[in-house]
């Protein structure tokens, strides 16, 4: 039983590491490189007009998503330590304040 549990745990660890590596590689790649991989994985044949259109649209979507993520990070409140949340019941509702 312990051996099976150890095998499952090690398998999960390697799967997580592989997924993290894939995500990091995709993040570090240009939008066009990622779009080419995605379009090929969908089944488009390289060199066809459909493939070129897929790469164009997908790479633009990736650029837009990355720009939106960057803006969201900039607008996100800065957290410098643990926050405290205080909630009070007011009638039939609850009001919470975070500081």
PDB file of N, CA and C in Angstrom:
ATOM      1  N   UNK A   1       0.822  -1.193   0.000  1.00  0.00           N
ATOM      2  CA  UNK A   1       0.000   0.000   0.000  1.00  0.00           C
ATOM      3  C   UNK A   1       0.866   1.258   0.000  1.00  0.00           C
ATOM      4  N   UNK A   2       1.912   1.254   0.829  1.00  0.00           N
ATOM      5  CA  UNK A   2       2.801   2.410   0.882  1.00  0.00           C
ATOM      6  C   UNK A   2       3.525   2.604  -0.446  1.00  0.00           C
ATOM      7  N   UNK A   3       3.873   1.500  -1.095  1.00  0.00           N
ATOM      8  CA  UNK A   3       4.574   1.576  -2.377  1.00  0.00           C
ATOM      9  C   UNK A   3       3.671   2.220  -3.431  1.00  0.00           C
ATOM     10  N   UNK A   4       2.407   1.833  -3.457  1.00  0.00           N
ATOM     11  CA  UNK A   4       1.466   2.406  -4.419  1.00  0.00           C
ATOM     12  C   UNK A   4       1.282   3.892  -4.154  1.00  0.00           C
ATOM     13  N   UNK A   5       1.152   4.249  -2.908  1.00  0.00           N
ATOM     14  CA  UNK A   5       1.009   5.651  -2.542  1.00  0.00           C
ATOM     15  C   UNK A   5       2.241   6.451  -2.961  1.00  0.00           C
ATOM     16  N   UNK A   6       3.420   5.899  -2.760  1.00  0.00           N
ATOM     17  CA  UNK A   6       4.659   6.575  -3.155  1.00  0.00           C
ATOM     18  C   UNK A   6       4.717   6.756  -4.667  1.00  0.00           C
ATOM     19  N   UNK A   7       4.305   5.737  -5.420  1.00  0.00           N
ATOM     20  CA  UNK A   7       4.322   5.830  -6.880  1.00  0.00           C
ATOM     21  C   UNK A   7       3.347   6.906  -7.360  1.00  0.00           C
ATOM     22  N   UNK A   8       2.175   6.939  -6.760  1.00  0.00           N
ATOM     23  CA  UNK A   8       1.184   7.955  -7.136  1.00  0.00           C
ATOM     24  C   UNK A   8       1.710   9.349  -6.809  1.00  0.00           C
ATOM     25  N   UNK A   9       2.316   9.504  -5.668  1.00  0.00           N
ATOM     26  CA  UNK A   9       2.856  10.800  -5.258  1.00  0.00           C
ATOM     27  C   UNK A   9       3.960  11.263  -6.195  1.00  0.00           C
ATOM     28  N   UNK A  10       4.889  10.379  -6.524  1.00  0.00           N
ATOM     29  CA  UNK A  10       5.979  10.731  -7.431  1.00  0.00           C
ATOM     30  C   UNK A  10       5.435  11.049  -8.823  1.00  0.00           C
ATOM     31  N   UNK A  11       4.464  10.286  -9.288  1.00  0.00           N
ATOM     32  CA  UNK A  11       3.856  10.550 -10.594  1.00  0.00           C
ATOM     33  C   UNK A  11       3.206  11.929 -10.626  1.00  0.00           C
ATOM     34  N   UNK A  12       2.486  12.259  -9.577  1.00  0.00           N
ATOM     35  CA  UNK A  12       1.835  13.572  -9.496  1.00  0.00           C
ATOM     36  C   UNK A  12       2.874  14.687  -9.477  1.00  0.00           C
ATOM     37  N   UNK A  13       3.965  14.466  -8.792  1.00  0.00           N
ATOM     38  CA  UNK A  13       5.033  15.467  -8.719  1.00  0.00           C
ATOM     39  C   UNK A  13       5.609  15.725 -10.101  1.00  0.00           C
ATOM     40  N   UNK A  14       5.911  14.652 -10.849  1.00  0.00           N
ATOM     41  CA  UNK A  14       6.481  14.821 -12.177  1.00  0.00           C
ATOM     42  C   UNK A  14       5.483  15.442 -13.141  1.00  0.00           C
ATOM     43  N   UNK A  15       4.224  15.101 -13.023  1.00  0.00           N
ATOM     44  CA  UNK A  15       3.204  15.688 -13.883  1.00  0.00           C
ATOM     45  C   UNK A  15       3.114  17.188 -13.624  1.00  0.00           C
ATOM     46  N   UNK A  16       3.128  17.580 -12.372  1.00  0.00           N
ATOM     47  CA  UNK A  16       3.081  19.003 -12.031  1.00  0.00           C
ATOM     48  C   UNK A  16       4.285  19.746 -12.548  1.00  0.00           C
ATOM     49  N   UNK A  17       5.473  19.141 -12.439  1.00  0.00           N
ATOM     50  CA  UNK A  17       6.697  19.778 -12.922  1.00  0.00           C
ATOM     51  C   UNK A  17       6.663  19.947 -14.431  1.00  0.00           C
ATOM     52  N   UNK A  18       6.172  18.945 -15.137  1.00  0.00           N
ATOM     53  CA  UNK A  18       6.086  19.021 -16.592  1.00  0.00           C
ATOM     54  C   UNK A  18       5.130  20.121 -17.010  1.00  0.00           C
ATOM     55  N   UNK A  19       4.001  20.222 -16.327  1.00  0.00           N
ATOM     56  CA  UNK A  19       3.029  21.257 -16.662  1.00  0.00           C
ATOM     57  C   UNK A  19       3.601  22.643 -16.369  1.00  0.00           C
ATOM     58  N   UNK A  20       4.314  22.799 -15.280  1.00  0.00           N
ATOM     59  CA  UNK A  20       4.925  24.086 -14.961  1.00  0.00           C
ATOM     60  C   UNK A  20       5.967  24.457 -16.014  1.00  0.00           C
ATOM     61  N   UNK A  21       6.743  23.472 -16.464  1.00  0.00           N
ATOM     62  CA  UNK A  21       7.754  23.724 -17.481  1.00  0.00           C
ATOM     63  C   UNK A  21       7.098  24.149 -18.790  1.00  0.00           C
ATOM     64  N   UNK A  22       6.005  23.488 -19.157  1.00  0.00           N
ATOM     65  CA  UNK A  22       5.279  23.835 -20.377  1.00  0.00           C
ATOM     66  C   UNK A  22       4.720  25.253 -20.271  1.00  0.00           C
ATOM     67  N   UNK A  23       4.123  25.590 -19.149  1.00  0.00           N
ATOM     68  CA  UNK A  23       3.578  26.936 -18.960  1.00  0.00           C
ATOM     69  C   UNK A  23       4.664  27.996 -19.022  1.00  0.00           C
ATOM     70  N   UNK A  24       5.822  27.717 -18.420  1.00  0.00           N
ATOM     71  CA  UNK A  24       6.929  28.672 -18.439  1.00  0.00           C
ATOM     72  C   UNK A  24       7.438  28.858 -19.865  1.00  0.00           C
ATOM     73  N   UNK A  25       7.580  27.759 -20.603  1.00  0.00           N
ATOM     74  CA  UNK A  25       8.061  27.840 -21.980  1.00  0.00           C
ATOM     75  C   UNK A  25       7.089  28.657 -22.825  1.00  0.00           C
ATOM     76  N   UNK A  26       5.789  28.432 -22.654  1.00  0.00           N
ATOM     77  CA  UNK A  26       4.793  29.179 -23.418  1.00  0.00           C
ATOM     78  C   UNK A  26       4.816  30.667 -23.053  1.00  0.00           C
ATOM     79  N   UNK A  27       5.043  30.961 -21.785  1.00  0.00           N
ATOM     80  CA  UNK A  27       5.098  32.354 -21.346  1.00  0.00           C
ATOM     81  C   UNK A  27       6.314  33.073 -21.918  1.00  0.00           C
ATOM     82  N   UNK A  28       7.418  32.354 -22.017  1.00  0.00           N
ATOM     83  CA  UNK A  28       8.654  32.958 -22.506  1.00  0.00           C
ATOM     84  C   UNK A  28       8.718  33.013 -24.036  1.00  0.00           C
ATOM     85  N   UNK A  29       7.862  32.272 -24.733  1.00  0.00           N
ATOM     86  CA  UNK A  29       7.848  32.261 -26.197  1.00  0.00           C
ATOM     87  C   UNK A  29       7.084  33.463 -26.726  1.00  0.00           C
ATOM     88  N   UNK A  30       7.380  33.822 -27.978  1.00  0.00           N
ATOM     89  CA  UNK A  30       6.648  34.920 -28.606  1.00  0.00           C
ATOM     90  C   UNK A  30       5.223  34.460 -28.924  1.00  0.00           C
ATOM     91  N   UNK A  31       4.297  35.393 -29.064  1.00  0.00           N
ATOM     92  CA  UNK A  31       2.932  35.016 -29.399  1.00  0.00           C
ATOM     93  C   UNK A  31       2.837  34.220 -30.710  1.00  0.00           C
ATOM     94  N   UNK A  32       3.684  34.551 -31.687  1.00  0.00           N
ATOM     95  CA  UNK A  32       3.637  33.841 -32.961  1.00  0.00           C
ATOM     96  C   UNK A  32       4.090  32.390 -32.790  1.00  0.00           C
ATOM     97  N   UNK A  33       5.147  32.169 -31.998  1.00  0.00           N
ATOM     98  CA  UNK A  33       5.612  30.800 -31.765  1.00  0.00           C
ATOM     99  C   UNK A  33       4.529  29.960 -31.088  1.00  0.00           C
ATOM    100  N   UNK A  34       3.886  30.535 -30.074  1.00  0.00           N
ATOM    101  CA  UNK A  34       2.824  29.821 -29.363  1.00  0.00           C
ATOM    102  C   UNK A  34       1.645  29.567 -30.304  1.00  0.00           C
ATOM    103  N   UNK A  35       1.295  30.561 -31.116  1.00  0.00           N
ATOM    104  CA  UNK A  35       0.180  30.410 -32.048  1.00  0.00           C
ATOM    105  C   UNK A  35       0.469  29.311 -33.069  1.00  0.00           C
ATOM    106  N   UNK A  36       1.708  29.237 -33.561  1.00  0.00           N
ATOM    107  CA  UNK A  36       2.064  28.191 -34.525  1.00  0.00           C
ATOM    108  C   UNK A  36       1.880  26.807 -33.906  1.00  0.00           C
ATOM    109  N   UNK A  37       2.355  26.640 -32.670  1.00  0.00           N
ATOM    110  CA  UNK A  37       2.184  25.355 -31.976  1.00  0.00           C
ATOM    111  C   UNK A  37       0.702  25.016 -31.816  1.00  0.00           C
ATOM    112  N   UNK A  38      -0.070  26.008 -31.388  1.00  0.00           N
ATOM    113  CA  UNK A  38      -1.503  25.781 -31.162  1.00  0.00           C
ATOM    114  C   UNK A  38      -2.226  25.413 -32.456  1.00  0.00           C
ATOM    115  N   UNK A  39      -1.926  26.121 -33.531  1.00  0.00           N
ATOM    116  CA  UNK A  39      -2.603  25.863 -34.798  1.00  0.00           C
ATOM    117  C   UNK A  39      -2.242  24.489 -35.345  1.00  0.00           C
ATOM    118  N   UNK A  40      -0.993  24.074 -35.190  1.00  0.00           N
ATOM    119  CA  UNK A  40      -0.598  22.734 -35.618  1.00  0.00           C
ATOM    120  C   UNK A  40      -1.297  21.693 -34.766  1.00  0.00           C
ATOM    121  N   UNK A  41      -1.389  21.934 -33.453  1.00  0.00           N
ATOM    122  CA  UNK A  41      -2.027  20.952 -32.571  1.00  0.00           C
ATOM    123  C   UNK A  41      -3.526  20.831 -32.859  1.00  0.00           C
ATOM    124  N   UNK A  42      -4.135  21.903 -33.349  1.00  0.00           N
ATOM    125  CA  UNK A  42      -5.546  21.857 -33.715  1.00  0.00           C
ATOM    126  C   UNK A  42      -5.744  21.022 -34.971  1.00  0.00           C
ATOM    127  N   UNK A  43      -4.722  21.007 -35.846  1.00  0.00           N
ATOM    128  CA  UNK A  43      -4.827  20.195 -37.057  1.00  0.00           C
ATOM    129  C   UNK A  43      -4.626  20.952 -38.353  1.00  0.00           C
ATOM    130  N   UNK A  44      -4.286  22.234 -38.284  1.00  0.00           N
ATOM    131  CA  UNK A  44      -4.032  22.989 -39.507  1.00  0.00           C
ATOM    132  C   UNK A  44      -2.700  22.550 -40.113  1.00  0.00           C
ATOM    133  N   UNK A  45      -2.653  22.462 -41.428  1.00  0.00           N
ATOM    134  CA  UNK A  45      -1.440  22.090 -42.151  1.00  0.00           C
ATOM    135  C   UNK A  45      -0.622  23.348 -42.415  1.00  0.00           C
ATOM    136  N   UNK A  46       0.672  23.296 -42.079  1.00  0.00           N
ATOM    137  CA  UNK A  46       1.534  24.463 -42.277  1.00  0.00           C
ATOM    138  C   UNK A  46       1.582  24.832 -43.753  1.00  0.00           C
ATOM    139  N   UNK A  47       1.656  26.125 -44.005  1.00  0.00           N
ATOM    140  CA  UNK A  47       1.752  26.627 -45.371  1.00  0.00           C
ATOM    141  C   UNK A  47       0.422  26.893 -46.037  1.00  0.00           C
ATOM    142  N   UNK A  48      -0.678  26.459 -45.447  1.00  0.00           N
ATOM    143  CA  UNK A  48      -1.992  26.692 -46.059  1.00  0.00           C
ATOM    144  C   UNK A  48      -2.524  28.066 -45.627  1.00  0.00           C
ATOM    145  N   UNK A  49      -3.415  28.639 -46.413  1.00  0.00           N
ATOM    146  CA  UNK A  49      -4.011  29.922 -46.011  1.00  0.00           C
ATOM    147  C   UNK A  49      -4.753  29.821 -44.675  1.00  0.00           C
ATOM    148  N   UNK A  50      -5.390  28.680 -44.415  1.00  0.00           N
ATOM    149  CA  UNK A  50      -6.109  28.501 -43.159  1.00  0.00           C
ATOM    150  C   UNK A  50      -5.143  28.531 -41.977  1.00  0.00           C
ATOM    151  N   UNK A  51      -3.981  27.903 -42.138  1.00  0.00           N
ATOM    152  CA  UNK A  51      -2.958  27.897 -41.083  1.00  0.00           C
ATOM    153  C   UNK A  51      -2.462  29.320 -40.834  1.00  0.00           C
ATOM    154  N   UNK A  52      -2.184  30.039 -41.909  1.00  0.00           N
ATOM    155  CA  UNK A  52      -1.708  31.416 -41.767  1.00  0.00           C
ATOM    156  C   UNK A  52      -2.731  32.290 -41.061  1.00  0.00           C
ATOM    157  N   UNK A  53      -4.002  32.116 -41.400  1.00  0.00           N
ATOM    158  CA  UNK A  53      -5.065  32.871 -40.740  1.00  0.00           C
ATOM    159  C   UNK A  53      -5.164  32.489 -39.267  1.00  0.00           C
ATOM    160  N   UNK A  54      -5.052  31.181 -38.990  1.00  0.00           N
ATOM    161  CA  UNK A  54      -5.088  30.719 -37.600  1.00  0.00           C
ATOM    162  C   UNK A  54      -3.962  31.355 -36.791  1.00  0.00           C
ATOM    163  N   UNK A  55      -2.752  31.356 -37.356  1.00  0.00           N
ATOM    164  CA  UNK A  55      -1.599  31.942 -36.651  1.00  0.00           C
ATOM    165  C   UNK A  55      -1.823  33.435 -36.425  1.00  0.00           C
ATOM    166  N   UNK A  56      -2.335  34.130 -37.439  1.00  0.00           N
ATOM    167  CA  UNK A  56      -2.579  35.569 -37.314  1.00  0.00           C
ATOM    168  C   UNK A  56      -3.577  35.872 -36.207  1.00  0.00           C
ATOM    169  N   UNK A  57      -4.713  35.202 -36.226  1.00  0.00           N
ATOM    170  CA  UNK A  57      -5.768  35.454 -35.241  1.00  0.00           C
ATOM    171  C   UNK A  57      -5.331  35.010 -33.848  1.00  0.00           C
ATOM    172  N   UNK A  58      -4.746  33.827 -33.749  1.00  0.00           N
ATOM    173  CA  UNK A  58      -4.345  33.298 -32.446  1.00  0.00           C
ATOM    174  C   UNK A  58      -3.246  34.140 -31.815  1.00  0.00           C
ATOM    175  N   UNK A  59      -2.261  34.554 -32.614  1.00  0.00           N
ATOM    176  CA  UNK A  59      -1.183  35.375 -32.048  1.00  0.00           C
ATOM    177  C   UNK A  59      -1.710  36.723 -31.568  1.00  0.00           C
ATOM    178  N   UNK A  60      -2.671  37.291 -32.291  1.00  0.00           N
ATOM    179  CA  UNK A  60      -3.274  38.556 -31.844  1.00  0.00           C
ATOM    180  C   UNK A  60      -4.044  38.351 -30.542  1.00  0.00           C
ATOM    181  N   UNK A  61      -4.757  37.238 -30.429  1.00  0.00           N
ATOM    182  CA  UNK A  61      -5.475  36.938 -29.181  1.00  0.00           C
ATOM    183  C   UNK A  61      -4.506  36.767 -28.014  1.00  0.00           C
ATOM    184  N   UNK A  62      -3.374  36.131 -28.262  1.00  0.00           N
ATOM    185  CA  UNK A  62      -2.368  35.948 -27.207  1.00  0.00           C
ATOM    186  C   UNK A  62      -1.802  37.299 -26.780  1.00  0.00           C
ATOM    187  N   UNK A  63      -1.509  38.164 -27.760  1.00  0.00           N
ATOM    188  CA  UNK A  63      -1.004  39.508 -27.427  1.00  0.00           C
ATOM    189  C   UNK A  63      -2.019  40.274 -26.573  1.00  0.00           C
ATOM    190  N   UNK A  64      -3.282  40.207 -26.972  1.00  0.00           N
ATOM    191  CA  UNK A  64      -4.328  40.909 -26.218  1.00  0.00           C
ATOM    192  C   UNK A  64      -4.451  40.355 -24.799  1.00  0.00           C
ATOM    193  N   UNK A  65      -4.411  39.034 -24.668  1.00  0.00           N
ATOM    194  CA  UNK A  65      -4.521  38.421 -23.337  1.00  0.00           C
ATOM    195  C   UNK A  65      -3.337  38.817 -22.465  1.00  0.00           C
ATOM    196  N   UNK A  66      -2.141  38.818 -23.029  1.00  0.00           N
ATOM    197  CA  UNK A  66      -0.950  39.213 -22.253  1.00  0.00           C
ATOM    198  C   UNK A  66      -1.014  40.680 -21.855  1.00  0.00           C
ATOM    199  N   UNK A  67      -1.514  41.528 -22.753  1.00  0.00           N
ATOM    200  CA  UNK A  67      -1.652  42.958 -22.423  1.00  0.00           C
ATOM    201  C   UNK A  67      -2.675  43.150 -21.311  1.00  0.00           C
ATOM    202  N   UNK A  68      -3.794  42.426 -21.386  1.00  0.00           N
ATOM    203  CA  UNK A  68      -4.811  42.523 -20.334  1.00  0.00           C
ATOM    204  C   UNK A  68      -4.275  42.047 -18.992  1.00  0.00           C
ATOM    205  N   UNK A  69      -3.481  40.981 -19.003  1.00  0.00           N
ATOM    206  CA  UNK A  69      -2.881  40.490 -17.755  1.00  0.00           C
ATOM    207  C   UNK A  69      -1.916  41.511 -17.169  1.00  0.00           C
ATOM    208  N   UNK A  70      -1.144  42.178 -18.037  1.00  0.00           N
ATOM    209  CA  UNK A  70      -0.198  43.190 -17.559  1.00  0.00           C
ATOM    210  C   UNK A  70      -0.936  44.369 -16.928  1.00  0.00           C
ATOM    211  N   UNK A  71      -2.016  44.796 -17.553  1.00  0.00           N
ATOM    212  CA  UNK A  71      -2.809  45.900 -17.001  1.00  0.00           C
ATOM    213  C   UNK A  71      -3.422  45.485 -15.672  1.00  0.00           C
ATOM    214  N   UNK A  72      -3.937  44.281 -15.596  1.00  0.00           N
ATOM    215  CA  UNK A  72      -4.538  43.802 -14.349  1.00  0.00           C
ATOM    216  C   UNK A  72      -3.509  43.757 -13.228  1.00  0.00           C
ATOM    217  N   UNK A  73      -2.283  43.335 -13.548  1.00  0.00           N
ATOM    218  CA  UNK A  73      -1.228  43.320 -12.522  1.00  0.00           C
ATOM    219  C   UNK A  73      -0.900  44.729 -12.047  1.00  0.00           C
ATOM    220  N   UNK A  74      -0.890  45.684 -12.977  1.00  0.00           N
ATOM    221  CA  UNK A  74      -0.597  47.066 -12.611  1.00  0.00           C
ATOM    222  C   UNK A  74      -1.693  47.660 -11.735  1.00  0.00           C
ATOM    223  N   UNK A  75      -2.931  47.312 -12.030  1.00  0.00           N
ATOM    224  CA  UNK A  75      -4.054  47.882 -11.288  1.00  0.00           C
ATOM    225  C   UNK A  75      -4.352  47.155  -9.985  1.00  0.00           C
ATOM    226  N   UNK A  76      -3.782  45.971  -9.820  1.00  0.00           N
ATOM    227  CA  UNK A  76      -4.042  45.193  -8.604  1.00  0.00           C
ATOM    228  C   UNK A  76      -3.431  45.912  -7.403  1.00  0.00           C
ATOM    229  N   UNK A  77      -4.152  45.925  -6.303  1.00  0.00           N
ATOM    230  CA  UNK A  77      -3.609  46.588  -5.106  1.00  0.00           C
ATOM    231  C   UNK A  77      -2.366  45.856  -4.618  1.00  0.00           C
ATOM    232  N   UNK A  78      -1.431  46.623  -4.148  1.00  0.00           N
ATOM    233  CA  UNK A  78      -0.189  46.062  -3.623  1.00  0.00           C
ATOM    234  C   UNK A  78      -0.452  45.520  -2.223  1.00  0.00           C
ATOM    235  N   UNK A  79       0.048  44.356  -1.970  1.00  0.00           N
ATOM    236  CA  UNK A  79      -0.125  43.744  -0.659  1.00  0.00           C
ATOM    237  C   UNK A  79       1.231  43.641   0.009  1.00  0.00           C
ATOM    238  N   UNK A  80       1.382  44.241   1.158  1.00  0.00           N
ATOM    239  CA  UNK A  80       2.645  44.231   1.898  1.00  0.00           C
ATOM    240  C   UNK A  80       2.452  43.564   3.245  1.00  0.00           C
ATOM    241  N   UNK A  81       1.981  42.362   3.253  1.00  0.00           N
ATOM    242  CA  UNK A  81       1.783  41.656   4.505  1.00  0.00           C
ATOM    243  C   UNK A  81       0.360  41.166   4.632  1.00  0.00           C
ATOM    244  N   UNK A  82       0.089  40.527   5.730  1.00  0.00           N
ATOM    245  CA  UNK A  82      -1.255  39.964   5.915  1.00  0.00           C
ATOM    246  C   UNK A  82      -2.305  41.060   6.072  1.00  0.00           C
ATOM    247  N   UNK A  83      -3.483  40.755   5.576  1.00  0.00           N
ATOM    248  CA  UNK A  83      -4.598  41.685   5.707  1.00  0.00           C
ATOM    249  C   UNK A  83      -5.513  41.195   6.815  1.00  0.00           C
ATOM    250  N   UNK A  84      -6.235  42.144   7.395  1.00  0.00           N
ATOM    251  CA  UNK A  84      -7.201  41.820   8.427  1.00  0.00           C
ATOM    252  C   UNK A  84      -8.589  42.168   7.915  1.00  0.00           C
ATOM    253  N   UNK A  85      -9.507  41.256   8.088  1.00  0.00           N
ATOM    254  CA  UNK A  85     -10.883  41.486   7.671  1.00  0.00           C
ATOM    255  C   UNK A  85     -11.778  41.464   8.905  1.00  0.00           C
ATOM    256  N   UNK A  86     -12.560  42.522   9.054  1.00  0.00           N
ATOM    257  CA  UNK A  86     -13.496  42.615  10.155  1.00  0.00           C
ATOM    258  C   UNK A  86     -14.901  42.684   9.578  1.00  0.00           C
ATOM    259  N   UNK A  87     -15.784  41.810  10.041  1.00  0.00           N
ATOM    260  CA  UNK A  87     -17.155  41.773   9.545  1.00  0.00           C
ATOM    261  C   UNK A  87     -18.115  42.059  10.690  1.00  0.00           C
ATOM    262  N   UNK A  88     -19.149  42.832  10.379  1.00  0.00           N
ATOM    263  CA  UNK A  88     -20.169  43.176  11.357  1.00  0.00           C
ATOM    264  C   UNK A  88     -21.541  42.921  10.758  1.00  0.00           C
ATOM    265  N   UNK A  89     -22.440  42.394  11.565  1.00  0.00           N
ATOM    266  CA  UNK A  89     -23.809  42.173  11.110  1.00  0.00           C
ATOM    267  C   UNK A  89     -24.569  43.480  11.287  1.00  0.00           C
ATOM    268  N   UNK A  90     -25.201  43.910  10.193  1.00  0.00           N
ATOM    269  CA  UNK A  90     -26.019  45.106  10.209  1.00  0.00           C
ATOM    270  C   UNK A  90     -27.401  44.700   9.710  1.00  0.00           C
ATOM    271  N   UNK A  91     -28.328  44.557  10.632  1.00  0.00           N
ATOM    272  CA  UNK A  91     -29.658  44.086  10.264  1.00  0.00           C
ATOM    273  C   UNK A  91     -29.575  42.657   9.750  1.00  0.00           C
ATOM    274  N   UNK A  92     -30.044  42.464   8.516  1.00  0.00           N
ATOM    275  CA  UNK A  92     -30.011  41.114   7.943  1.00  0.00           C
ATOM    276  C   UNK A  92     -28.823  40.918   7.000  1.00  0.00           C
ATOM    277  N   UNK A  93     -27.910  41.899   6.949  1.00  0.00           N
ATOM    278  CA  UNK A  93     -26.748  41.763   6.066  1.00  0.00           C
ATOM    279  C   UNK A  93     -25.451  41.822   6.878  1.00  0.00           C
ATOM    280  N   UNK A  94     -24.368  41.501   6.208  1.00  0.00           N
ATOM    281  CA  UNK A  94     -23.052  41.538   6.845  1.00  0.00           C
ATOM    282  C   UNK A  94     -22.188  42.486   6.038  1.00  0.00           C
ATOM    283  N   UNK A  95     -21.514  43.413   6.743  1.00  0.00           N
ATOM    284  CA  UNK A  95     -20.587  44.341   6.099  1.00  0.00           C
ATOM    285  C   UNK A  95     -19.190  44.029   6.571  1.00  0.00           C
ATOM    286  N   UNK A  96     -18.274  43.884   5.622  1.00  0.00           N
ATOM    287  CA  UNK A  96     -16.888  43.546   5.961  1.00  0.00           C
ATOM    288  C   UNK A  96     -15.960  44.667   5.513  1.00  0.00           C
ATOM    289  N   UNK A  97     -14.938  44.892   6.313  1.00  0.00           N
ATOM    290  CA  UNK A  97     -13.904  45.878   6.012  1.00  0.00           C
ATOM    291  C   UNK A  97     -12.566  45.163   6.054  1.00  0.00           C
ATOM    292  N   UNK A  98     -11.753  45.417   5.027  1.00  0.00           N
ATOM    293  CA  UNK A  98     -10.442  44.777   4.961  1.00  0.00           C
ATOM    294  C   UNK A  98      -9.382  45.855   5.065  1.00  0.00           C
ATOM    295  N   UNK A  99      -8.401  45.622   5.931  1.00  0.00           N
ATOM    296  CA  UNK A  99      -7.293  46.584   6.071  1.00  0.00           C
ATOM    297  C   UNK A  99      -6.043  45.862   6.411  1.00  0.00           C
TER     298      UNK A  99
END
